[in-house]
Amino acid sequence: MPKILIVDDDAQLRSTISMVLKLKGYDVIDADNGATALKLARAALPDLILSDINMPQADGYAALAELRKDPATADIPLILMTGESEAATMRKGMDLGADDYLNKPFAMSALLKAVEARIKKREVVRQSAEKKLAELRANLSLMLPHELNTPLVGILGYGEIISNCADTLQPAELAEMGRNILESGQRLQRLVQNFLIYSQLELLRADDSEVMAMRGKRTEDVNESLILVARTKAQALGRVNDLQTEICHGSAAIAEDLLAKIIEELLGNAFKFSKPGTPVKLTATAEGKLLRMVIVDQGRGMKVEYLHNIDAYVQFDRRRHEQQGTGLGLVIAKRLTEMHGGTLDLESTEGVGTTVTIRLPLPAN
């Protein structure tokens, strides 16, 4: 049964609320001040907290701020109970992360409605998180062993042949095996690098100082940077003749290597999911205070429902389309764009193609 923590220095009110909630089947614990409430919340991890604002030993605001700082309690819904109805009071609570308000005095029916609404919402969030976790497990079990083993098989297989039969192999055969080993090693290296980059970004985006430091970097000339990365990617994939570019001159508020990473990953997907001989176009233009970059391909496209389910280790129609990759490239591009105050939008039609639009801020000066 859902557990609710009641925090109020009014013993009679605590007792009344506790009785009403217990009659509705809730498990109830209580505290008469903010300091005790923090200890109980961290120990019991309740499903909901009902807290007064004005209390001794850490008021409701102070307790709420501490709860939101602690990862273990940060997502616990909290309803503030207060006799103050000023907008500034409510605004302060919402800014600190309160989920709802009850103005004293309140009817027990209103209390129950507020509690039920928050408990239901938390359950929906929990179910959604469990679903995503199950999907992640399924994708990892289906995809990651394949992604790791495929290049390793090539490296080990050709390495064994060379070590055992080097004296009978022709130079051309050795060269071909060497190229295959190199390609397999590069594929494995990229997988490891993207995993490390993704993990680092997930840590950095919770650190405001690191994010602001990233936004302080700049690329002086996007034309030079983007043309270089686009041509290098197209050449590596044997698609030089398919690449089309129209790129302005100008700067962007992002480090050159990170801008290159965004475009490299998105162009890689555009080439991967389109047939050789069909165009892949990269354009970059100034749009007010933004740099607008667009990548258009005429590939297989995506279903509409997939556009809202982009995440790490998620590939679409893997069973229907044999493909390489972990799905990390698109997520890395999206994370980097958003961490720099930009947006990444996808438009796709199955069987027609995909358009990716990236908007990044221009430098402030």
Foldseek 3Di string as FASTA:
>chain_A
DFEEEEEALPPVVLVVLVVVVVVVPYHYDYYDALVVVLVCCLVVVGQEYEAEADGPPAGPLRSLLVQCVDPSRNPRAYEYEYQDDDPVVVVSCVVSPHDYYDHPPDDSVVVVVVVVVSSVVSVVVVVVVVVVVVVLVVLCVVAVVCQQVVLVCLQVVLVVCCVVPVVPDDPVRNVVSVVSNVVSVVSNVVQVVLVVLVVVLVVQLVPVVSLVVQQQAKDAWVVVLVVVLLCVLCVVVVQNVQEAEAEDTGMFRGHSVLVSLLNNLVSNVQPQQADRPWHWYWYWDDDPQKIKIKIKHFGQWDDPVVQVVQDFQDDPPCVPDPDHDRSSSNVSSQSSLVSNVKHWHWDTDGNGIIMIMIIGGHDPD
